[in-house]
């Protein structure tokens, strides 16, 4: 299974939706809660090319984007192959 990292914040419905999809696929994402900012939020912004919205998702170091981007990968059938790597 691929290494999945997700940057989230509390009370974020998009974060919850992304986590639900990832776990339904058998992934065990590393969840970085950046609700209060800090070093992990700075890291997220740098890794994502300046994106500030939550969640930001990475699979094996590849920036996937947010919840809608993850759902689009799933709809196209690409998500399963990325997670299987």
N, C-alpha and C. Protein backbone atom coordinates (compact mmCIF):
# COMPACT_ATOMS: atom_id res chain seq x y z
N UNK A 1 0.86 -1.19 0.00
CA UNK A 1 0.00 0.00 0.00
C UNK A 1 0.89 1.23 0.00
N UNK A 2 0.46 2.23 -0.72
CA UNK A 2 1.20 3.48 -0.83
C UNK A 2 1.16 4.26 0.48
N UNK A 3 2.15 5.13 0.65
CA UNK A 3 2.17 6.03 1.80
C UNK A 3 1.25 7.20 1.48
N UNK A 4 0.24 7.40 2.32
CA UNK A 4 -0.73 8.47 2.11
C UNK A 4 -0.61 9.46 3.27
N UNK A 5 -0.47 10.73 2.92
CA UNK A 5 -0.41 11.81 3.90
C UNK A 5 -1.51 12.79 3.59
N UNK A 6 -2.18 13.26 4.64
CA UNK A 6 -3.26 14.22 4.45
C UNK A 6 -3.17 15.30 5.53
N UNK A 7 -3.20 16.53 5.09
CA UNK A 7 -3.19 17.69 5.99
C UNK A 7 -4.65 18.12 6.16
N UNK A 8 -5.10 18.15 7.41
CA UNK A 8 -6.50 18.44 7.70
C UNK A 8 -6.64 19.53 8.76
N UNK A 9 -7.87 19.98 8.92
CA UNK A 9 -8.18 20.86 10.04
C UNK A 9 -9.50 20.38 10.65
N UNK A 10 -9.68 20.73 11.91
CA UNK A 10 -10.87 20.30 12.64
C UNK A 10 -12.14 20.87 11.99
N UNK A 11 -13.20 20.11 12.05
CA UNK A 11 -14.53 20.52 11.61
C UNK A 11 -14.59 20.77 10.10
N UNK A 12 -13.72 20.18 9.35
CA UNK A 12 -13.67 20.38 7.90
C UNK A 12 -14.41 19.23 7.21
N UNK A 13 -15.56 19.51 6.59
CA UNK A 13 -16.30 18.42 5.94
C UNK A 13 -15.56 17.81 4.75
N UNK A 14 -14.75 18.61 4.06
CA UNK A 14 -13.98 18.10 2.93
C UNK A 14 -12.89 17.15 3.40
N UNK A 15 -12.30 17.48 4.54
CA UNK A 15 -11.29 16.62 5.14
C UNK A 15 -11.91 15.28 5.53
N UNK A 16 -13.07 15.34 6.16
CA UNK A 16 -13.76 14.12 6.57
C UNK A 16 -14.13 13.26 5.36
N UNK A 17 -14.58 13.91 4.29
CA UNK A 17 -14.95 13.17 3.08
C UNK A 17 -13.73 12.48 2.47
N UNK A 18 -12.61 13.18 2.43
CA UNK A 18 -11.38 12.60 1.87
C UNK A 18 -10.89 11.44 2.73
N UNK A 19 -10.91 11.62 4.05
CA UNK A 19 -10.48 10.54 4.95
C UNK A 19 -11.37 9.32 4.79
N UNK A 20 -12.67 9.53 4.66
CA UNK A 20 -13.60 8.42 4.50
C UNK A 20 -13.31 7.64 3.21
N UNK A 21 -13.06 8.36 2.13
CA UNK A 21 -12.76 7.70 0.86
C UNK A 21 -11.45 6.92 0.96
N UNK A 22 -10.43 7.54 1.52
CA UNK A 22 -9.14 6.87 1.63
C UNK A 22 -9.23 5.61 2.50
N UNK A 23 -9.89 5.71 3.63
CA UNK A 23 -9.98 4.54 4.50
C UNK A 23 -10.87 3.45 3.89
N UNK A 24 -11.86 3.85 3.10
CA UNK A 24 -12.71 2.85 2.43
C UNK A 24 -11.92 2.06 1.39
N UNK A 25 -10.82 2.63 0.93
CA UNK A 25 -9.94 1.97 -0.04
C UNK A 25 -8.86 1.16 0.65
N UNK A 26 -8.87 1.15 1.98
CA UNK A 26 -7.89 0.37 2.73
C UNK A 26 -6.64 1.14 3.10
N UNK A 27 -6.59 2.42 2.77
CA UNK A 27 -5.42 3.23 3.12
C UNK A 27 -5.47 3.59 4.61
N UNK A 28 -4.30 3.81 5.16
CA UNK A 28 -4.17 4.24 6.56
C UNK A 28 -3.40 5.56 6.54
N UNK A 29 -4.08 6.66 6.20
CA UNK A 29 -3.39 7.94 6.00
C UNK A 29 -2.72 8.46 7.27
N UNK A 30 -1.58 9.10 7.07
CA UNK A 30 -0.95 9.86 8.14
C UNK A 30 -1.64 11.21 8.14
N UNK A 31 -2.29 11.54 9.23
CA UNK A 31 -3.10 12.76 9.32
C UNK A 31 -2.34 13.83 10.08
N UNK A 32 -2.05 14.92 9.38
CA UNK A 32 -1.40 16.07 10.00
C UNK A 32 -2.47 17.13 10.25
N UNK A 33 -2.83 17.34 11.50
CA UNK A 33 -3.84 18.34 11.86
C UNK A 33 -3.16 19.70 11.92
N UNK A 34 -3.54 20.58 11.00
CA UNK A 34 -2.93 21.91 10.92
C UNK A 34 -3.92 23.00 11.30
N UNK A 35 -4.91 22.64 12.11
CA UNK A 35 -5.93 23.60 12.54
C UNK A 35 -5.31 24.85 13.15
N UNK A 36 -4.29 24.65 13.96
CA UNK A 36 -3.67 25.77 14.67
C UNK A 36 -2.45 26.33 13.94
N UNK A 37 -2.23 25.90 12.70
CA UNK A 37 -1.08 26.41 11.94
C UNK A 37 0.19 25.69 12.34
N UNK A 38 1.27 26.43 12.42
CA UNK A 38 2.54 25.86 12.85
C UNK A 38 3.38 25.32 11.70
N UNK A 39 4.41 24.56 12.09
CA UNK A 39 5.39 24.05 11.13
C UNK A 39 4.76 23.13 10.08
N UNK A 40 3.83 22.29 10.50
CA UNK A 40 3.20 21.37 9.54
C UNK A 40 2.38 22.13 8.50
N UNK A 41 1.74 23.23 8.88
CA UNK A 41 0.98 24.01 7.90
C UNK A 41 1.95 24.66 6.91
N UNK A 42 3.05 25.19 7.41
CA UNK A 42 4.07 25.77 6.53
C UNK A 42 4.59 24.70 5.57
N UNK A 43 4.84 23.51 6.09
CA UNK A 43 5.29 22.39 5.26
C UNK A 43 4.26 22.07 4.18
N UNK A 44 2.98 22.03 4.56
CA UNK A 44 1.90 21.74 3.61
C UNK A 44 1.88 22.75 2.47
N UNK A 45 1.96 24.02 2.82
CA UNK A 45 1.92 25.08 1.80
C UNK A 45 3.10 24.94 0.85
N UNK A 46 4.27 24.66 1.38
CA UNK A 46 5.45 24.48 0.53
C UNK A 46 5.30 23.27 -0.37
N UNK A 47 4.87 22.15 0.19
CA UNK A 47 4.75 20.92 -0.59
C UNK A 47 3.67 21.01 -1.66
N UNK A 48 2.63 21.77 -1.38
CA UNK A 48 1.49 21.83 -2.30
C UNK A 48 1.61 22.96 -3.32
N UNK A 49 2.72 23.65 -3.33
CA UNK A 49 2.89 24.73 -4.30
C UNK A 49 2.11 25.98 -3.94
N UNK A 50 1.88 26.19 -2.65
CA UNK A 50 1.21 27.40 -2.20
C UNK A 50 -0.26 27.26 -1.87
N UNK A 51 -0.81 26.08 -2.02
CA UNK A 51 -2.23 25.90 -1.73
C UNK A 51 -2.47 25.97 -0.23
N UNK A 52 -3.53 26.67 0.15
CA UNK A 52 -3.84 26.91 1.56
C UNK A 52 -5.11 26.19 2.02
N UNK A 53 -5.86 25.61 1.10
CA UNK A 53 -7.13 24.99 1.46
C UNK A 53 -6.90 23.59 2.02
N UNK A 54 -7.88 23.12 2.76
CA UNK A 54 -7.81 21.79 3.36
C UNK A 54 -8.85 20.90 2.72
N UNK A 55 -8.56 19.64 2.59
CA UNK A 55 -7.31 18.99 2.89
C UNK A 55 -6.33 19.13 1.73
N UNK A 56 -5.09 18.81 1.98
CA UNK A 56 -4.09 18.62 0.94
C UNK A 56 -3.58 17.19 1.10
N UNK A 57 -3.61 16.47 0.00
CA UNK A 57 -3.35 15.02 0.03
C UNK A 57 -2.13 14.68 -0.82
N UNK A 58 -1.31 13.79 -0.28
CA UNK A 58 -0.12 13.31 -0.98
C UNK A 58 -0.11 11.79 -0.94
N UNK A 59 0.16 11.18 -2.08
CA UNK A 59 0.29 9.73 -2.17
C UNK A 59 1.69 9.43 -2.67
N UNK A 60 2.46 8.74 -1.85
CA UNK A 60 3.87 8.45 -2.14
C UNK A 60 4.62 9.72 -2.55
N UNK A 61 4.34 10.81 -1.85
CA UNK A 61 5.02 12.07 -2.09
C UNK A 61 4.45 12.90 -3.23
N UNK A 62 3.56 12.32 -4.01
CA UNK A 62 2.94 13.04 -5.14
C UNK A 62 1.76 13.85 -4.63
N UNK A 63 1.75 15.13 -4.96
CA UNK A 63 0.64 15.99 -4.54
C UNK A 63 -0.59 15.66 -5.37
N UNK A 64 -1.65 15.25 -4.68
CA UNK A 64 -2.91 14.90 -5.33
C UNK A 64 -3.83 16.11 -5.40
N UNK A 65 -3.79 16.94 -4.36
CA UNK A 65 -4.67 18.11 -4.29
C UNK A 65 -5.63 17.95 -3.13
N UNK A 66 -6.84 18.42 -3.31
CA UNK A 66 -7.84 18.41 -2.26
C UNK A 66 -8.84 17.28 -2.42
N UNK A 67 -9.94 17.41 -1.69
CA UNK A 67 -10.97 16.38 -1.66
C UNK A 67 -11.60 16.16 -3.04
N UNK A 68 -11.89 17.24 -3.76
CA UNK A 68 -12.48 17.09 -5.09
C UNK A 68 -11.52 16.41 -6.05
N UNK A 69 -10.24 16.73 -5.95
CA UNK A 69 -9.23 16.09 -6.80
C UNK A 69 -9.14 14.60 -6.50
N UNK A 70 -9.20 14.25 -5.22
CA UNK A 70 -9.17 12.84 -4.82
C UNK A 70 -10.40 12.11 -5.36
N UNK A 71 -11.57 12.72 -5.25
CA UNK A 71 -12.81 12.11 -5.76
C UNK A 71 -12.74 11.93 -7.28
N UNK A 72 -12.15 12.88 -7.97
CA UNK A 72 -12.01 12.77 -9.43
C UNK A 72 -11.09 11.61 -9.80
N UNK A 73 -10.00 11.43 -9.04
CA UNK A 73 -9.11 10.30 -9.28
C UNK A 73 -9.84 8.98 -9.06
N UNK A 74 -10.68 8.94 -8.05
CA UNK A 74 -11.45 7.73 -7.78
C UNK A 74 -12.45 7.47 -8.91
N UNK A 75 -13.13 8.50 -9.35
CA UNK A 75 -14.12 8.35 -10.43
C UNK A 75 -13.48 7.88 -11.73
N UNK A 76 -12.24 8.31 -11.98
CA UNK A 76 -11.55 7.92 -13.21
C UNK A 76 -10.91 6.54 -13.11
N UNK A 77 -10.89 5.97 -11.90
CA UNK A 77 -10.29 4.66 -11.70
C UNK A 77 -8.79 4.71 -11.39
N UNK A 78 -8.21 5.89 -11.33
CA UNK A 78 -6.77 6.02 -11.10
C UNK A 78 -6.38 5.88 -9.63
N UNK A 79 -7.29 6.16 -8.73
CA UNK A 79 -6.94 6.14 -7.31
C UNK A 79 -6.51 4.76 -6.84
N UNK A 80 -7.20 3.74 -7.26
CA UNK A 80 -6.85 2.38 -6.83
C UNK A 80 -5.43 2.02 -7.21
N UNK A 81 -5.01 2.37 -8.43
CA UNK A 81 -3.65 2.03 -8.85
C UNK A 81 -2.60 2.84 -8.09
N UNK A 82 -2.92 4.09 -7.77
CA UNK A 82 -1.99 4.90 -6.98
C UNK A 82 -1.82 4.32 -5.58
N UNK A 83 -2.91 3.89 -4.99
CA UNK A 83 -2.85 3.34 -3.64
C UNK A 83 -2.19 1.98 -3.59
N UNK A 84 -2.26 1.23 -4.68
CA UNK A 84 -1.69 -0.11 -4.72
C UNK A 84 -0.17 -0.09 -4.88
N UNK A 85 0.37 1.03 -5.28
CA UNK A 85 1.82 1.11 -5.57
C UNK A 85 2.66 0.80 -4.35
